[in-house]
């Protein structure tokens, strides 16, 4: 019987710098998938406190991070309450300072722009000290370069970088990307994934392509690729 890393462990190896963060995050509006880790030599278990900024669940936005994501040291997620009112001639938050200012202004949080949930897909790699802004969607298999500021959506299996982050390239051709999105290896059962690991780590992309097509053909006897719905 193979020894498979425990998704419910806080520290999956002896180095204690990488933390499976779903097991330490407590906020009700943060959802993190199995095996997603945050790496930090100083305080990996402090991810929620140090790396999710301005998080007030009552505001209504969520941070959703998929499975098997690699989050490098210093990466931060800015939540919606970090914003200021921008619908008026001043962005100054008079209301939060109390007294007559509070009495003569609308409630602060009620006036903030709502960007929606921040959603990070599966198998996403976020480089060192990235900043992900509110409401951004980063697709499965994407890579974001170190020190990038992500202000708009990043497509699946693409590479983005810079401040503001911009599209740099696709990781693979469209056919291989579609195959990967359909196979969804991150949803495999742990024992099944073990057998699939040599393929996932192979640099022979044509071998990978053939194997993915075979797997999908076994699922759908016609052998035709089904359109990816993003579900």
Protein backbone atom coordinates (compact mmCIF):
# COMPACT_ATOMS: atom_id res chain seq x y z
CA UNK A 1 0.00 0.00 0.00
CA UNK A 2 1.62 3.31 -1.05
CA UNK A 3 2.08 6.02 1.57
CA UNK A 4 0.12 9.03 0.30
CA UNK A 5 0.44 12.50 1.84
CA UNK A 6 -2.43 13.26 4.18
CA UNK A 7 -4.54 16.22 2.94
CA UNK A 8 -5.58 16.84 6.55
CA UNK A 9 -2.02 17.32 7.80
CA UNK A 10 -0.85 20.85 8.56
CA UNK A 11 2.76 20.14 7.61
CA UNK A 12 3.03 17.50 4.84
CA UNK A 13 6.79 17.00 5.17
CA UNK A 14 9.63 17.33 7.65
CA UNK A 15 10.69 20.84 6.60
CA UNK A 16 7.68 22.58 8.18
CA UNK A 17 7.86 25.49 5.74
CA UNK A 18 5.01 24.29 3.51
CA UNK A 19 1.54 24.19 5.04
CA UNK A 20 -1.64 22.61 3.68
CA UNK A 21 -3.58 25.77 4.41
CA UNK A 22 -7.12 24.40 4.31
CA UNK A 23 -6.28 22.96 7.73
CA UNK A 24 -5.38 26.27 9.40
CA UNK A 25 -7.77 28.79 7.81
CA UNK A 26 -10.90 29.47 9.87
CA UNK A 27 -12.75 32.34 8.18
CA UNK A 28 -16.18 31.20 6.92
CA UNK A 29 -15.76 32.97 3.59
CA UNK A 30 -12.46 31.30 2.66
CA UNK A 31 -12.60 27.93 0.87
CA UNK A 32 -9.40 26.03 0.04
CA UNK A 33 -9.01 22.65 -1.66
CA UNK A 34 -6.97 19.62 -0.68
CA UNK A 35 -3.18 19.70 -1.06
CA UNK A 36 -2.98 23.44 -1.73
CA UNK A 37 0.03 24.70 0.16
CA UNK A 38 1.51 28.01 1.23
CA UNK A 39 5.30 28.07 1.54
CA UNK A 40 6.90 30.47 4.01
CA UNK A 41 10.02 29.85 6.11
CA UNK A 42 8.84 32.33 8.75
CA UNK A 43 5.13 31.66 9.41
CA UNK A 44 3.39 29.28 7.01
CA UNK A 45 0.45 28.65 9.35
CA UNK A 46 -0.20 32.40 9.59
CA UNK A 47 -1.54 32.52 6.04
CA UNK A 48 -5.00 33.78 6.97
CA UNK A 49 -3.66 36.46 9.31
CA UNK A 50 -0.79 37.67 7.12
CA UNK A 51 -1.85 37.03 3.54
CA UNK A 52 -5.60 37.59 3.31
CA UNK A 53 -5.99 41.33 3.76
CA UNK A 54 -9.08 43.32 4.80
CA UNK A 55 -11.23 40.23 5.13
CA UNK A 56 -14.60 41.01 6.70
CA UNK A 57 -16.96 38.10 5.96
CA UNK A 58 -20.01 40.31 6.54
CA UNK A 59 -19.07 42.21 3.38
CA UNK A 60 -20.17 39.18 1.37
CA UNK A 61 -17.21 38.31 -0.84
CA UNK A 62 -15.36 35.00 -0.72
CA UNK A 63 -11.85 33.74 -1.44
CA UNK A 64 -12.04 30.34 -3.17
CA UNK A 65 -8.82 28.46 -3.92
CA UNK A 66 -8.83 25.08 -5.64
CA UNK A 67 -6.81 21.92 -5.11
CA UNK A 68 -3.09 21.38 -5.63
CA UNK A 69 -2.20 25.09 -5.77
CA UNK A 70 1.33 26.27 -5.02
CA UNK A 71 1.37 29.62 -3.23
CA UNK A 72 4.80 31.14 -2.73
CA UNK A 73 5.98 33.18 0.23
CA UNK A 74 4.50 36.66 0.57
CA UNK A 75 1.59 36.19 -1.84
CA UNK A 76 -1.36 38.28 -0.70
CA UNK A 77 -5.06 38.31 -1.48
CA UNK A 78 -6.76 41.69 -1.12
CA UNK A 79 -10.43 41.36 -0.22
CA UNK A 80 -13.22 43.76 -1.17
CA UNK A 81 -13.35 45.85 2.04
CA UNK A 82 -9.89 47.19 1.16
CA UNK A 83 -11.63 49.42 -1.39
CA UNK A 84 -12.85 52.97 -0.90
CA UNK A 85 -16.05 54.60 -2.10
CA UNK A 86 -15.44 55.80 -5.66
CA UNK A 87 -18.97 56.86 -6.64
CA UNK A 88 -18.61 60.29 -5.01
CA UNK A 89 -16.25 63.21 -5.45
CA UNK A 90 -14.14 62.08 -2.50
CA UNK A 91 -12.86 58.62 -1.64
CA UNK A 92 -12.06 59.57 1.96
CA UNK A 93 -13.76 57.22 4.49
CA UNK A 94 -15.13 59.85 6.89
CA UNK A 95 -17.61 57.39 8.39
CA UNK A 96 -15.02 55.10 9.98
CA UNK A 97 -13.65 57.88 12.23
CA UNK A 98 -16.83 58.34 14.24
CA UNK A 99 -18.41 61.40 15.82
CA UNK A 100 -20.11 63.96 13.64
CA UNK A 101 -18.40 62.49 10.59
CA UNK A 102 -20.13 59.18 11.18
CA UNK A 103 -23.46 60.86 11.90
CA UNK A 104 -23.40 62.74 8.61
CA UNK A 105 -22.23 59.99 6.24
CA UNK A 106 -23.65 56.65 5.05
CA UNK A 107 -22.26 53.42 6.56
CA UNK A 108 -18.78 52.79 5.20
CA UNK A 109 -19.06 49.16 4.07
CA UNK A 110 -22.41 49.74 2.38
CA UNK A 111 -20.77 52.22 -0.03
CA UNK A 112 -17.83 50.08 -1.09
CA UNK A 113 -17.71 48.73 -4.67
CA UNK A 114 -18.42 45.01 -4.73
CA UNK A 115 -16.15 43.04 -7.07
CA UNK A 116 -17.49 39.58 -6.24
CA UNK A 117 -15.61 36.47 -5.21
CA UNK A 118 -11.91 35.96 -5.83
CA UNK A 119 -11.54 32.50 -7.39
CA UNK A 120 -8.29 30.62 -7.92
CA UNK A 121 -8.57 27.39 -9.91
CA UNK A 122 -6.77 24.08 -9.42
CA UNK A 123 -3.05 23.49 -9.96
CA UNK A 124 -2.31 27.23 -10.00
CA UNK A 125 1.19 28.46 -9.16
CA UNK A 126 1.39 31.94 -7.64
CA UNK A 127 4.97 33.23 -7.51
CA UNK A 128 6.64 34.99 -4.62
CA UNK A 129 4.94 38.15 -3.32
CA UNK A 130 2.15 38.22 -5.88
CA UNK A 131 -0.83 40.41 -5.05
CA UNK A 132 -4.28 39.24 -6.19
CA UNK A 133 -6.90 41.99 -6.17
CA UNK A 134 -10.61 41.59 -5.30
CA UNK A 135 -12.87 39.72 -7.70
CA UNK A 136 -10.09 38.28 -9.88
CA UNK A 137 -10.55 34.82 -11.44
CA UNK A 138 -7.43 32.74 -12.16
CA UNK A 139 -8.06 29.60 -14.22
CA UNK A 140 -6.88 26.03 -13.70
CA UNK A 141 -3.21 25.41 -14.41
CA UNK A 142 -2.27 29.09 -14.66
CA UNK A 143 1.08 30.50 -13.52
CA UNK A 144 1.54 34.03 -12.17
CA UNK A 145 5.10 35.35 -12.08
CA UNK A 146 6.72 36.57 -8.88
CA UNK A 147 5.96 40.13 -7.71
CA UNK A 148 2.98 40.47 -10.03
CA UNK A 149 -0.18 42.45 -9.24
CA UNK A 150 -3.18 40.62 -10.67
CA UNK A 151 -6.01 43.06 -11.42
CA UNK A 152 -7.93 41.11 -14.07
CA UNK A 153 -8.76 37.51 -14.89
CA UNK A 154 -6.08 35.02 -15.95
CA UNK A 155 -7.06 32.29 -18.42
CA UNK A 156 -6.53 28.58 -17.67
CA UNK A 157 -3.07 27.25 -18.47
CA UNK A 158 -1.67 30.66 -19.27
CA UNK A 159 1.28 32.58 -17.83
CA UNK A 160 0.78 36.13 -16.57
CA UNK A 161 3.16 38.59 -14.97
CA UNK A 162 3.94 42.22 -14.26
CA UNK A 163 2.32 45.18 -12.55
CA UNK A 164 -0.42 45.14 -13.58
CA UNK A 165 -0.15 41.49 -14.59
CA UNK A 166 -0.68 40.85 -18.30
CA UNK A 167 -0.94 37.76 -20.44
CA UNK A 168 2.50 36.47 -21.44
CA UNK A 169 1.84 33.16 -23.17
CA UNK A 170 -0.18 29.96 -23.20
CA UNK A 171 1.54 27.08 -21.47
CA UNK A 172 0.38 24.54 -24.08
CA UNK A 173 -1.52 24.42 -27.36
CA UNK A 174 -5.31 24.65 -27.29
CA UNK A 175 -5.89 20.94 -27.75
CA UNK A 176 -3.72 19.93 -24.80
CA UNK A 177 -5.27 22.62 -22.61
CA UNK A 178 -8.75 21.33 -23.46
CA UNK A 179 -7.70 17.76 -22.70
CA UNK A 180 -6.35 18.76 -19.31
CA UNK A 181 -9.47 20.74 -18.45
CA UNK A 182 -11.63 17.74 -19.30
CA UNK A 183 -9.56 15.10 -17.51
CA UNK A 184 -9.40 17.18 -14.28
CA UNK A 185 -6.67 15.08 -12.69
CA UNK A 186 -6.99 17.07 -9.45
CA UNK A 187 -10.31 15.30 -8.84
CA UNK A 188 -8.81 11.80 -9.05
CA UNK A 189 -8.99 9.55 -6.03
CA UNK A 190 -5.66 9.52 -4.14
CA UNK A 191 -4.74 5.98 -5.18
CA UNK A 192 -5.61 6.70 -8.82
CA UNK A 193 -3.52 9.85 -8.77
CA UNK A 194 -0.45 7.94 -7.61
CA UNK A 195 -0.53 5.84 -10.77
CA UNK A 196 -1.03 8.97 -12.90
CA UNK A 197 1.90 10.93 -11.42
CA UNK A 198 4.58 9.73 -13.88
CA UNK A 199 2.48 11.08 -16.73
CA UNK A 200 1.77 14.41 -14.99
CA UNK A 201 5.48 14.93 -14.42
CA UNK A 202 6.66 13.84 -17.87
CA UNK A 203 8.22 16.43 -20.22
CA UNK A 204 7.03 14.34 -23.18
CA UNK A 205 3.89 16.32 -23.96
CA UNK A 206 2.96 14.17 -26.93
CA UNK A 207 2.94 11.13 -24.65
CA UNK A 208 0.74 13.08 -22.25
CA UNK A 209 -1.58 14.11 -25.07
CA UNK A 210 -2.07 10.52 -26.23
CA UNK A 211 -2.67 9.28 -22.70
CA UNK A 212 -5.24 11.98 -21.99
CA UNK A 213 -7.08 11.19 -25.21
CA UNK A 214 -7.12 7.51 -24.30
CA UNK A 215 -8.51 8.28 -20.88
CA UNK A 216 -11.27 10.48 -22.27
CA UNK A 217 -12.13 7.87 -24.88
CA UNK A 218 -12.60 5.35 -22.08
CA UNK A 219 -15.02 7.75 -20.39
CA UNK A 220 -16.90 8.53 -23.61
CA UNK A 221 -16.92 5.51 -25.98
CA UNK A 222 -17.37 7.73 -29.03
CA UNK A 223 -13.90 9.15 -28.41
CA UNK A 224 -15.07 12.69 -29.08
CA UNK A 225 -13.95 15.47 -26.77
CA UNK A 226 -16.82 17.00 -24.85
CA UNK A 227 -16.93 20.80 -24.70
CA UNK A 228 -15.45 22.09 -21.43
CA UNK A 229 -18.10 23.88 -19.37
CA UNK A 230 -15.75 25.04 -16.65
CA UNK A 231 -17.69 23.11 -14.02
